[in-house]
Structures are given as structure tokens and as C-alpha cells.
């Protein structure tokens, strides 16, 4: 099974913000995901991870949350779950590139 999860998570309370920037807090989350060994892709609006089970995906959300010691945290999650499939984090992009017959600059 392949569980693709796109999520964003960041503090909204002043106790964890540096003015309007949340990059320090988001960096803590990305560092933890990187150390977990889970495949991921950082985007300007969030992060996409791929796991083999829903439990693993939810564990990453909990891990991300644990990185932020803040009074208030915003998070949005989107799932794409597919049985009998894996490595979709890269294969979905390659499929579009093949259709376009060129590579998309990333």
C-alpha cells in the first residue's frame, strides 16, 4: 500500500513566531521527518510524505506536532491511499513528465 500525505503544520501563536516567519519551526519538523527515514518532498506550501501504512503516516504527523512547543498550531492534511502500489512520490511526477514529453523543473 502507498499512503501519500500532503500536510502543512505551523504555529499561529506569538509564542513560537518570529514576526510573520514560521521557517524556524517548520525547519524543526522537516529535520525530524528527514531523520525518520520516510520519503518526503518539501514544497512551498507544505510537505508530502509517502508511507506504507496509514499508521506510519499518522505517526509522522504526531512526530511533527511534537517538534512544536507552542500554544496554538495549525495543520491541514490531505491523503491519497492506494493499495498494491508504492514509490508514488516520484512515479506520479514522472508520469506527468512523460505525458508532457519533457521534464518539469523542480
PDB file of N, CA and C in Angstrom:
ATOM      1  N   UNK A   1       0.853  -1.179   0.000  1.00  0.00           N
ATOM      2  CA  UNK A   1       0.000   0.000   0.000  1.00  0.00           C
ATOM      3  C   UNK A   1       0.895   1.236   0.000  1.00  0.00           C
ATOM      4  N   UNK A   2       0.408   2.288  -0.607  1.00  0.00           N
ATOM      5  CA  UNK A   2       1.091   3.578  -0.624  1.00  0.00           C
ATOM      6  C   UNK A   2       0.155   4.628  -0.035  1.00  0.00           C
ATOM      7  N   UNK A   3       0.640   5.288   0.999  1.00  0.00           N
ATOM      8  CA  UNK A   3      -0.109   6.383   1.608  1.00  0.00           C
ATOM      9  C   UNK A   3       0.666   7.663   1.321  1.00  0.00           C
ATOM     10  N   UNK A   4       0.121   8.481   0.445  1.00  0.00           N
ATOM     11  CA  UNK A   4       0.683   9.806   0.214  1.00  0.00           C
ATOM     12  C   UNK A   4      -0.069  10.769   1.122  1.00  0.00           C
ATOM     13  N   UNK A   5       0.671  11.570   1.836  1.00  0.00           N
ATOM     14  CA  UNK A   5       0.077  12.541   2.739  1.00  0.00           C
ATOM     15  C   UNK A   5       0.725  13.886   2.485  1.00  0.00           C
ATOM     16  N   UNK A   6      -0.080  14.850   2.105  1.00  0.00           N
ATOM     17  CA  UNK A   6       0.389  16.222   1.980  1.00  0.00           C
ATOM     18  C   UNK A   6      -0.126  16.976   3.200  1.00  0.00           C
ATOM     19  N   UNK A   7       0.795  17.627   3.910  1.00  0.00           N
ATOM     20  CA  UNK A   7       0.348  18.365   5.084  1.00  0.00           C
ATOM     21  C   UNK A   7       1.153  19.638   5.276  1.00  0.00           C
ATOM     22  N   UNK A   8       0.529  20.544   5.990  1.00  0.00           N
ATOM     23  CA  UNK A   8       1.215  21.734   6.464  1.00  0.00           C
ATOM     24  C   UNK A   8       0.937  21.826   7.951  1.00  0.00           C
ATOM     25  N   UNK A   9       1.944  22.290   8.678  1.00  0.00           N
ATOM     26  CA  UNK A   9       1.800  22.436  10.127  1.00  0.00           C
ATOM     27  C   UNK A   9       2.711  23.569  10.562  1.00  0.00           C
ATOM     28  N   UNK A  10       2.129  24.509  11.285  1.00  0.00           N
ATOM     29  CA  UNK A  10       2.930  25.636  11.760  1.00  0.00           C
ATOM     30  C   UNK A  10       2.216  26.329  12.914  1.00  0.00           C
ATOM     31  N   UNK A  11       2.996  27.030  13.748  1.00  0.00           N
ATOM     32  CA  UNK A  11       2.380  27.732  14.879  1.00  0.00           C
ATOM     33  C   UNK A  11       1.635  28.972  14.420  1.00  0.00           C
ATOM     34  N   UNK A  12       0.552  29.268  15.109  1.00  0.00           N
ATOM     35  CA  UNK A  12      -0.173  30.512  14.851  1.00  0.00           C
ATOM     36  C   UNK A  12      -0.097  31.452  16.045  1.00  0.00           C
ATOM     37  N   UNK A  13       0.428  30.964  17.148  1.00  0.00           N
ATOM     38  CA  UNK A  13       0.530  31.795  18.347  1.00  0.00           C
ATOM     39  C   UNK A  13       1.856  32.552  18.366  1.00  0.00           C
ATOM     40  N   UNK A  14       1.824  33.713  18.989  1.00  0.00           N
ATOM     41  CA  UNK A  14       3.004  34.581  19.039  1.00  0.00           C
ATOM     42  C   UNK A  14       4.177  33.965  19.797  1.00  0.00           C
ATOM     43  N   UNK A  15       3.919  33.003  20.680  1.00  0.00           N
ATOM     44  CA  UNK A  15       4.997  32.430  21.477  1.00  0.00           C
ATOM     45  C   UNK A  15       6.012  31.654  20.639  1.00  0.00           C
ATOM     46  N   UNK A  16       5.653  31.293  19.420  1.00  0.00           N
ATOM     47  CA  UNK A  16       6.550  30.497  18.573  1.00  0.00           C
ATOM     48  C   UNK A  16       6.856  31.146  17.226  1.00  0.00           C
ATOM     49  N   UNK A  17       6.415  32.347  17.018  1.00  0.00           N
ATOM     50  CA  UNK A  17       6.614  33.008  15.733  1.00  0.00           C
ATOM     51  C   UNK A  17       7.724  34.047  15.847  1.00  0.00           C
ATOM     52  N   UNK A  18       8.457  34.205  14.781  1.00  0.00           N
ATOM     53  CA  UNK A  18       9.469  35.249  14.676  1.00  0.00           C
ATOM     54  C   UNK A  18       8.909  36.293  13.715  1.00  0.00           C
ATOM     55  N   UNK A  19       8.091  37.189  14.236  1.00  0.00           N
ATOM     56  CA  UNK A  19       7.386  38.118  13.358  1.00  0.00           C
ATOM     57  C   UNK A  19       6.369  37.338  12.544  1.00  0.00           C
ATOM     58  N   UNK A  20       6.426  37.469  11.229  1.00  0.00           N
ATOM     59  CA  UNK A  20       5.495  36.744  10.371  1.00  0.00           C
ATOM     60  C   UNK A  20       6.085  35.428   9.871  1.00  0.00           C
ATOM     61  N   UNK A  21       7.334  35.138  10.208  1.00  0.00           N
ATOM     62  CA  UNK A  21       8.008  33.937   9.725  1.00  0.00           C
ATOM     63  C   UNK A  21       7.784  32.750  10.654  1.00  0.00           C
ATOM     64  N   UNK A  22       7.588  31.583  10.063  1.00  0.00           N
ATOM     65  CA  UNK A  22       7.494  30.337  10.825  1.00  0.00           C
ATOM     66  C   UNK A  22       8.557  29.345  10.360  1.00  0.00           C
ATOM     67  N   UNK A  23       9.533  29.807   9.590  1.00  0.00           N
ATOM     68  CA  UNK A  23      10.519  28.902   8.999  1.00  0.00           C
ATOM     69  C   UNK A  23      11.349  28.156  10.048  1.00  0.00           C
ATOM     70  N   UNK A  24      11.652  28.779  11.171  1.00  0.00           N
ATOM     71  CA  UNK A  24      12.415  28.084  12.214  1.00  0.00           C
ATOM     72  C   UNK A  24      11.638  26.888  12.745  1.00  0.00           C
ATOM     73  N   UNK A  25      10.356  27.071  12.952  1.00  0.00           N
ATOM     74  CA  UNK A  25       9.530  25.982  13.470  1.00  0.00           C
ATOM     75  C   UNK A  25       9.320  24.898  12.413  1.00  0.00           C
ATOM     76  N   UNK A  26       9.077  25.291  11.187  1.00  0.00           N
ATOM     77  CA  UNK A  26       8.898  24.320  10.101  1.00  0.00           C
ATOM     78  C   UNK A  26      10.183  23.535   9.892  1.00  0.00           C
ATOM     79  N   UNK A  27      11.334  24.189  10.037  1.00  0.00           N
ATOM     80  CA  UNK A  27      12.622  23.503   9.887  1.00  0.00           C
ATOM     81  C   UNK A  27      12.786  22.390  10.909  1.00  0.00           C
ATOM     82  N   UNK A  28      12.285  22.578  12.106  1.00  0.00           N
ATOM     83  CA  UNK A  28      12.335  21.530  13.127  1.00  0.00           C
ATOM     84  C   UNK A  28      11.550  20.301  12.678  1.00  0.00           C
ATOM     85  N   UNK A  29      10.402  20.542  12.073  1.00  0.00           N
ATOM     86  CA  UNK A  29       9.567  19.446  11.579  1.00  0.00           C
ATOM     87  C   UNK A  29      10.275  18.706  10.455  1.00  0.00           C
ATOM     88  N   UNK A  30      10.814  19.440   9.491  1.00  0.00           N
ATOM     89  CA  UNK A  30      11.477  18.817   8.347  1.00  0.00           C
ATOM     90  C   UNK A  30      12.697  18.016   8.805  1.00  0.00           C
ATOM     91  N   UNK A  31      13.439  18.533   9.756  1.00  0.00           N
ATOM     92  CA  UNK A  31      14.596  17.810  10.282  1.00  0.00           C
ATOM     93  C   UNK A  31      14.166  16.485  10.898  1.00  0.00           C
ATOM     94  N   UNK A  32      13.093  16.484  11.648  1.00  0.00           N
ATOM     95  CA  UNK A  32      12.596  15.250  12.273  1.00  0.00           C
ATOM     96  C   UNK A  32      12.130  14.253  11.220  1.00  0.00           C
ATOM     97  N   UNK A  33      11.442  14.730  10.187  1.00  0.00           N
ATOM     98  CA  UNK A  33      10.999  13.835   9.112  1.00  0.00           C
ATOM     99  C   UNK A  33      12.206  13.248   8.391  1.00  0.00           C
ATOM    100  N   UNK A  34      13.191  14.082   8.110  1.00  0.00           N
ATOM    101  CA  UNK A  34      14.400  13.618   7.435  1.00  0.00           C
ATOM    102  C   UNK A  34      15.084  12.521   8.254  1.00  0.00           C
ATOM    103  N   UNK A  35      15.202  12.718   9.538  1.00  0.00           N
ATOM    104  CA  UNK A  35      15.844  11.734  10.417  1.00  0.00           C
ATOM    105  C   UNK A  35      15.026  10.450  10.546  1.00  0.00           C
ATOM    106  N   UNK A  36      13.720  10.521  10.277  1.00  0.00           N
ATOM    107  CA  UNK A  36      12.862   9.338  10.382  1.00  0.00           C
ATOM    108  C   UNK A  36      13.115   8.336   9.263  1.00  0.00           C
ATOM    109  N   UNK A  37      13.671   8.806   8.152  1.00  0.00           N
ATOM    110  CA  UNK A  37      13.922   7.918   7.018  1.00  0.00           C
ATOM    111  C   UNK A  37      12.753   7.793   6.057  1.00  0.00           C
ATOM    112  N   UNK A  38      11.636   8.430   6.359  1.00  0.00           N
ATOM    113  CA  UNK A  38      10.457   8.391   5.484  1.00  0.00           C
ATOM    114  C   UNK A  38      10.730   9.256   4.252  1.00  0.00           C
ATOM    115  N   UNK A  39      10.286   8.791   3.088  1.00  0.00           N
ATOM    116  CA  UNK A  39      10.416   9.586   1.862  1.00  0.00           C
ATOM    117  C   UNK A  39       9.525  10.818   1.967  1.00  0.00           C
ATOM    118  N   UNK A  40      10.080  11.964   1.574  1.00  0.00           N
ATOM    119  CA  UNK A  40       9.298  13.192   1.647  1.00  0.00           C
ATOM    120  C   UNK A  40       9.763  14.173   0.585  1.00  0.00           C
ATOM    121  N   UNK A  41       8.917  15.141   0.326  1.00  0.00           N
ATOM    122  CA  UNK A  41       9.250  16.239  -0.577  1.00  0.00           C
ATOM    123  C   UNK A  41       8.701  17.524   0.033  1.00  0.00           C
ATOM    124  N   UNK A  42       9.580  18.476   0.271  1.00  0.00           N
ATOM    125  CA  UNK A  42       9.182  19.779   0.779  1.00  0.00           C
ATOM    126  C   UNK A  42       8.701  20.630  -0.387  1.00  0.00           C
ATOM    127  N   UNK A  43       7.599  21.329  -0.186  1.00  0.00           N
ATOM    128  CA  UNK A  43       7.073  22.237  -1.208  1.00  0.00           C
ATOM    129  C   UNK A  43       6.902  23.612  -0.561  1.00  0.00           C
ATOM    130  N   UNK A  44       6.671  24.643  -1.348  1.00  0.00           N
ATOM    131  CA  UNK A  44       6.476  25.973  -0.758  1.00  0.00           C
ATOM    132  C   UNK A  44       5.258  26.065   0.169  1.00  0.00           C
ATOM    133  N   UNK A  45       4.290  25.187  -0.016  1.00  0.00           N
ATOM    134  CA  UNK A  45       3.053  25.278   0.757  1.00  0.00           C
ATOM    135  C   UNK A  45       2.862  24.140   1.756  1.00  0.00           C
ATOM    136  N   UNK A  46       3.822  23.202   1.824  1.00  0.00           N
ATOM    137  CA  UNK A  46       3.673  22.081   2.733  1.00  0.00           C
ATOM    138  C   UNK A  46       4.709  21.017   2.454  1.00  0.00           C
ATOM    139  N   UNK A  47       4.429  19.825   2.937  1.00  0.00           N
ATOM    140  CA  UNK A  47       5.328  18.687   2.776  1.00  0.00           C
ATOM    141  C   UNK A  47       4.500  17.488   2.368  1.00  0.00           C
ATOM    142  N   UNK A  48       5.051  16.676   1.464  1.00  0.00           N
ATOM    143  CA  UNK A  48       4.411  15.438   1.038  1.00  0.00           C
ATOM    144  C   UNK A  48       5.283  14.291   1.522  1.00  0.00           C
ATOM    145  N   UNK A  49       4.667  13.318   2.184  1.00  0.00           N
ATOM    146  CA  UNK A  49       5.384  12.123   2.620  1.00  0.00           C
ATOM    147  C   UNK A  49       4.727  10.911   1.977  1.00  0.00           C
ATOM    148  N   UNK A  50       5.488   9.811   1.901  1.00  0.00           N
ATOM    149  CA  UNK A  50       4.920   8.539   1.440  1.00  0.00           C
ATOM    150  C   UNK A  50       5.292   7.465   2.441  1.00  0.00           C
ATOM    151  N   UNK A  51       4.288   6.744   2.912  1.00  0.00           N
ATOM    152  CA  UNK A  51       4.492   5.637   3.841  1.00  0.00           C
ATOM    153  C   UNK A  51       3.781   4.402   3.300  1.00  0.00           C
ATOM    154  N   UNK A  52       4.047   3.264   3.935  1.00  0.00           N
ATOM    155  CA  UNK A  52       3.397   2.020   3.511  1.00  0.00           C
ATOM    156  C   UNK A  52       2.085   1.762   4.234  1.00  0.00           C
ATOM    157  N   UNK A  53       1.868   2.465   5.348  1.00  0.00           N
ATOM    158  CA  UNK A  53       0.631   2.272   6.108  1.00  0.00           C
ATOM    159  C   UNK A  53       0.084   3.612   6.598  1.00  0.00           C
ATOM    160  N   UNK A  54      -1.181   3.616   6.905  1.00  0.00           N
ATOM    161  CA  UNK A  54      -1.809   4.798   7.487  1.00  0.00           C
ATOM    162  C   UNK A  54      -1.209   5.096   8.858  1.00  0.00           C
ATOM    163  N   UNK A  55      -0.921   4.043   9.631  1.00  0.00           N
ATOM    164  CA  UNK A  55      -0.338   4.239  10.969  1.00  0.00           C
ATOM    165  C   UNK A  55       0.985   4.992  10.874  1.00  0.00           C
ATOM    166  N   UNK A  56       1.848   4.631   9.903  1.00  0.00           N
ATOM    167  CA  UNK A  56       3.127   5.321   9.725  1.00  0.00           C
ATOM    168  C   UNK A  56       2.903   6.798   9.391  1.00  0.00           C
ATOM    169  N   UNK A  57       1.939   7.074   8.534  1.00  0.00           N
ATOM    170  CA  UNK A  57       1.645   8.458   8.151  1.00  0.00           C
ATOM    171  C   UNK A  57       1.175   9.254   9.366  1.00  0.00           C
ATOM    172  N   UNK A  58       0.298   8.666  10.153  1.00  0.00           N
ATOM    173  CA  UNK A  58      -0.196   9.356  11.348  1.00  0.00           C
ATOM    174  C   UNK A  58       0.908   9.524  12.393  1.00  0.00           C
ATOM    175  N   UNK A  59       1.825   8.571  12.450  1.00  0.00           N
ATOM    176  CA  UNK A  59       2.971   8.699  13.358  1.00  0.00           C
ATOM    177  C   UNK A  59       3.844   9.886  12.963  1.00  0.00           C
ATOM    178  N   UNK A  60       3.983  10.141  11.664  1.00  0.00           N
ATOM    179  CA  UNK A  60       4.765  11.303  11.212  1.00  0.00           C
ATOM    180  C   UNK A  60       4.065  12.599  11.612  1.00  0.00           C
ATOM    181  N   UNK A  61       2.743  12.621  11.522  1.00  0.00           N
ATOM    182  CA  UNK A  61       2.002  13.810  11.957  1.00  0.00           C
ATOM    183  C   UNK A  61       2.223  14.045  13.448  1.00  0.00           C
ATOM    184  N   UNK A  62       2.178  12.980  14.228  1.00  0.00           N
ATOM    185  CA  UNK A  62       2.426  13.123  15.658  1.00  0.00           C
ATOM    186  C   UNK A  62       3.862  13.585  15.918  1.00  0.00           C
ATOM    187  N   UNK A  63       4.820  13.031  15.192  1.00  0.00           N
ATOM    188  CA  UNK A  63       6.215  13.447  15.314  1.00  0.00           C
ATOM    189  C   UNK A  63       6.371  14.932  14.983  1.00  0.00           C
ATOM    190  N   UNK A  64       5.714  15.371  13.916  1.00  0.00           N
ATOM    191  CA  UNK A  64       5.775  16.781  13.522  1.00  0.00           C
ATOM    192  C   UNK A  64       5.202  17.664  14.626  1.00  0.00           C
ATOM    193  N   UNK A  65       4.061  17.280  15.148  1.00  0.00           N
ATOM    194  CA  UNK A  65       3.427  18.043  16.216  1.00  0.00           C
ATOM    195  C   UNK A  65       4.333  18.150  17.441  1.00  0.00           C
ATOM    196  N   UNK A  66       5.031  17.067  17.768  1.00  0.00           N
ATOM    197  CA  UNK A  66       5.905  17.045  18.939  1.00  0.00           C
ATOM    198  C   UNK A  66       7.096  17.998  18.807  1.00  0.00           C
ATOM    199  N   UNK A  67       7.410  18.418  17.596  1.00  0.00           N
ATOM    200  CA  UNK A  67       8.535  19.330  17.389  1.00  0.00           C
ATOM    201  C   UNK A  67       8.184  20.758  17.775  1.00  0.00           C
ATOM    202  N   UNK A  68       6.904  21.056  17.898  1.00  0.00           N
ATOM    203  CA  UNK A  68       6.450  22.419  18.169  1.00  0.00           C
ATOM    204  C   UNK A  68       5.895  22.528  19.580  1.00  0.00           C
ATOM    205  N   UNK A  69       6.566  23.278  20.413  1.00  0.00           N
ATOM    206  CA  UNK A  69       6.099  23.532  21.767  1.00  0.00           C
ATOM    207  C   UNK A  69       5.460  24.919  21.771  1.00  0.00           C
ATOM    208  N   UNK A  70       4.254  24.989  21.237  1.00  0.00           N
ATOM    209  CA  UNK A  70       3.577  26.269  21.011  1.00  0.00           C
ATOM    210  C   UNK A  70       2.164  26.221  21.593  1.00  0.00           C
ATOM    211  N   UNK A  71       1.632  27.401  21.878  1.00  0.00           N
ATOM    212  CA  UNK A  71       0.280  27.478  22.427  1.00  0.00           C
ATOM    213  C   UNK A  71      -0.799  27.092  21.409  1.00  0.00           C
ATOM    214  N   UNK A  72      -0.552  27.378  20.136  1.00  0.00           N
ATOM    215  CA  UNK A  72      -1.551  27.089  19.102  1.00  0.00           C
ATOM    216  C   UNK A  72      -0.849  26.689  17.813  1.00  0.00           C
ATOM    217  N   UNK A  73      -1.334  25.603  17.188  1.00  0.00           N
ATOM    218  CA  UNK A  73      -0.731  25.065  15.969  1.00  0.00           C
ATOM    219  C   UNK A  73      -1.819  24.811  14.941  1.00  0.00           C
ATOM    220  N   UNK A  74      -1.552  25.227  13.704  1.00  0.00           N
ATOM    221  CA  UNK A  74      -2.458  24.989  12.582  1.00  0.00           C
ATOM    222  C   UNK A  74      -1.915  23.804  11.795  1.00  0.00           C
ATOM    223  N   UNK A  75      -2.813  22.951  11.325  1.00  0.00           N
ATOM    224  CA  UNK A  75      -2.396  21.851  10.462  1.00  0.00           C
ATOM    225  C   UNK A  75      -3.510  21.504   9.485  1.00  0.00           C
ATOM    226  N   UNK A  76      -3.120  21.186   8.263  1.00  0.00           N
ATOM    227  CA  UNK A  76      -4.057  20.724   7.236  1.00  0.00           C
ATOM    228  C   UNK A  76      -3.460  19.470   6.602  1.00  0.00           C
ATOM    229  N   UNK A  77      -4.293  18.456   6.387  1.00  0.00           N
ATOM    230  CA  UNK A  77      -3.819  17.177   5.863  1.00  0.00           C
ATOM    231  C   UNK A  77      -4.680  16.727   4.686  1.00  0.00           C
ATOM    232  N   UNK A  78      -4.004  16.137   3.673  1.00  0.00           N
ATOM    233  CA  UNK A  78      -4.706  15.511   2.549  1.00  0.00           C
ATOM    234  C   UNK A  78      -4.057  14.153   2.304  1.00  0.00           C
ATOM    235  N   UNK A  79      -4.879  13.116   2.117  1.00  0.00           N
ATOM    236  CA  UNK A  79      -4.387  11.763   1.895  1.00  0.00           C
ATOM    237  C   UNK A  79      -4.750  11.262   0.504  1.00  0.00           C
ATOM    238  N   UNK A  80      -3.859  10.456  -0.075  1.00  0.00           N
ATOM    239  CA  UNK A  80      -4.132   9.684  -1.291  1.00  0.00           C
ATOM    240  C   UNK A  80      -3.626   8.275  -0.997  1.00  0.00           C
ATOM    241  N   UNK A  81      -4.547   7.349  -0.790  1.00  0.00           N
ATOM    242  CA  UNK A  81      -4.206   5.993  -0.351  1.00  0.00           C
ATOM    243  C   UNK A  81      -4.504   5.020  -1.486  1.00  0.00           C
ATOM    244  N   UNK A  82      -3.505   4.210  -1.815  1.00  0.00           N
ATOM    245  CA  UNK A  82      -3.684   3.273  -2.924  1.00  0.00           C
ATOM    246  C   UNK A  82      -3.083   1.921  -2.562  1.00  0.00           C
ATOM    247  N   UNK A  83      -3.886   0.888  -2.714  1.00  0.00           N
ATOM    248  CA  UNK A  83      -3.422  -0.474  -2.461  1.00  0.00           C
ATOM    249  C   UNK A  83      -2.557  -0.950  -3.625  1.00  0.00           C
ATOM    250  N   UNK A  84      -1.707  -1.921  -3.348  1.00  0.00           N
ATOM    251  CA  UNK A  84      -0.868  -2.566  -4.368  1.00  0.00           C
ATOM    252  C   UNK A  84      -0.032  -1.571  -5.156  1.00  0.00           C
ATOM    253  N   UNK A  85       0.508  -0.601  -4.477  1.00  0.00           N
ATOM    254  CA  UNK A  85       1.316   0.413  -5.142  1.00  0.00           C
ATOM    255  C   UNK A  85       2.362   0.934  -4.172  1.00  0.00           C
ATOM    256  N   UNK A  86       3.461   1.474  -4.710  1.00  0.00           N
ATOM    257  CA  UNK A  86       4.464   2.124  -3.880  1.00  0.00           C
ATOM    258  C   UNK A  86       5.315   3.033  -4.749  1.00  0.00           C
ATOM    259  N   UNK A  87       6.135   3.835  -4.100  1.00  0.00           N
ATOM    260  CA  UNK A  87       7.028   4.788  -4.773  1.00  0.00           C
ATOM    261  C   UNK A  87       6.268   5.804  -5.622  1.00  0.00           C
ATOM    262  N   UNK A  88       5.091   6.190  -5.186  1.00  0.00           N
ATOM    263  CA  UNK A  88       4.291   7.145  -5.960  1.00  0.00           C
ATOM    264  C   UNK A  88       4.755   8.577  -5.789  1.00  0.00           C
ATOM    265  N   UNK A  89       5.540   8.839  -4.753  1.00  0.00           N
ATOM    266  CA  UNK A  89       6.055  10.193  -4.556  1.00  0.00           C
ATOM    267  C   UNK A  89       6.839  10.637  -5.783  1.00  0.00           C
ATOM    268  N   UNK A  90       7.547   9.708  -6.405  1.00  0.00           N
ATOM    269  CA  UNK A  90       8.318  10.026  -7.611  1.00  0.00           C
ATOM    270  C   UNK A  90       7.591   9.604  -8.883  1.00  0.00           C
ATOM    271  N   UNK A  91       6.908   8.465  -8.848  1.00  0.00           N
ATOM    272  CA  UNK A  91       6.304   7.947 -10.078  1.00  0.00           C
ATOM    273  C   UNK A  91       5.161   8.816 -10.600  1.00  0.00           C
ATOM    274  N   UNK A  92       4.426   9.479  -9.718  1.00  0.00           N
ATOM    275  CA  UNK A  92       3.339  10.351 -10.182  1.00  0.00           C
ATOM    276  C   UNK A  92       3.894  11.549 -10.958  1.00  0.00           C
ATOM    277  N   UNK A  93       5.029  12.087 -10.497  1.00  0.00           N
ATOM    278  CA  UNK A  93       5.667  13.204 -11.196  1.00  0.00           C
ATOM    279  C   UNK A  93       6.222  12.734 -12.537  1.00  0.00           C
ATOM    280  N   UNK A  94       6.864  11.559 -12.540  1.00  0.00           N
ATOM    281  CA  UNK A  94       7.412  11.018 -13.797  1.00  0.00           C
ATOM    282  C   UNK A  94       6.311  10.766 -14.816  1.00  0.00           C
ATOM    283  N   UNK A  95       5.154  10.355 -14.365  1.00  0.00           N
ATOM    284  CA  UNK A  95       4.028  10.108 -15.269  1.00  0.00           C
ATOM    285  C   UNK A  95       3.604  11.391 -15.977  1.00  0.00           C
ATOM    286  N   UNK A  96       3.541  12.487 -15.239  1.00  0.00           N
ATOM    287  CA  UNK A  96       3.180  13.778 -15.836  1.00  0.00           C
ATOM    288  C   UNK A  96       4.276  14.233 -16.795  1.00  0.00           C
ATOM    289  N   UNK A  97       5.532  14.072 -16.375  1.00  0.00           N
ATOM    290  CA  UNK A  97       6.649  14.457 -17.244  1.00  0.00           C
ATOM    291  C   UNK A  97       6.618  13.669 -18.553  1.00  0.00           C
ATOM    292  N   UNK A  98       6.301  12.390 -18.449  1.00  0.00           N
ATOM    293  CA  UNK A  98       6.210  11.547 -19.659  1.00  0.00           C
ATOM    294  C   UNK A  98       5.086  12.034 -20.561  1.00  0.00           C
ATOM    295  N   UNK A  99       3.975  12.377 -19.977  1.00  0.00           N
ATOM    296  CA  UNK A  99       2.857  12.888 -20.753  1.00  0.00           C
ATOM    297  C   UNK A  99       3.209  14.179 -21.454  1.00  0.00           C
ATOM    298  N   UNK A 100       3.958  15.045 -20.752  1.00  0.00           N
ATOM    299  CA  UNK A 100       4.388  16.313 -21.337  1.00  0.00           C
ATOM    300  C   UNK A 100       5.559  16.128 -22.303  1.00  0.00           C
ATOM    301  N   UNK A 101       6.199  14.949 -22.248  1.00  0.00           N
ATOM    302  CA  UNK A 101       7.357  14.635 -23.075  1.00  0.00           C
ATOM    303  C   UNK A 101       8.518  15.596 -22.801  1.00  0.00           C
ATOM    304  N   UNK A 102       8.592  16.029 -21.555  1.00  0.00           N
ATOM    305  CA  UNK A 102       9.714  16.851 -21.116  1.00  0.00           C
ATOM    306  C   UNK A 102       9.760  16.798 -19.600  1.00  0.00           C
ATOM    307  N   UNK A 103      10.859  17.194 -19.042  1.00  0.00           N
ATOM    308  CA  UNK A 103      10.966  17.218 -17.598  1.00  0.00           C
ATOM    309  C   UNK A 103      10.506  18.560 -17.059  1.00  0.00           C
ATOM    310  N   UNK A 104       9.823  18.500 -15.929  1.00  0.00           N
ATOM    311  CA  UNK A 104       9.390  19.699 -15.242  1.00  0.00           C
ATOM    312  C   UNK A 104      10.532  20.148 -14.348  1.00  0.00           C
ATOM    313  N   UNK A 105      10.873  21.400 -14.381  1.00  0.00           N
ATOM    314  CA  UNK A 105      11.928  21.910 -13.498  1.00  0.00           C
ATOM    315  C   UNK A 105      11.414  21.922 -12.075  1.00  0.00           C
ATOM    316  N   UNK A 106      12.209  21.336 -11.152  1.00  0.00           N
ATOM    317  CA  UNK A 106      11.831  21.328  -9.739  1.00  0.00           C
ATOM    318  C   UNK A 106      12.858  22.048  -8.920  1.00  0.00           C
TER     319      UNK A 106
END
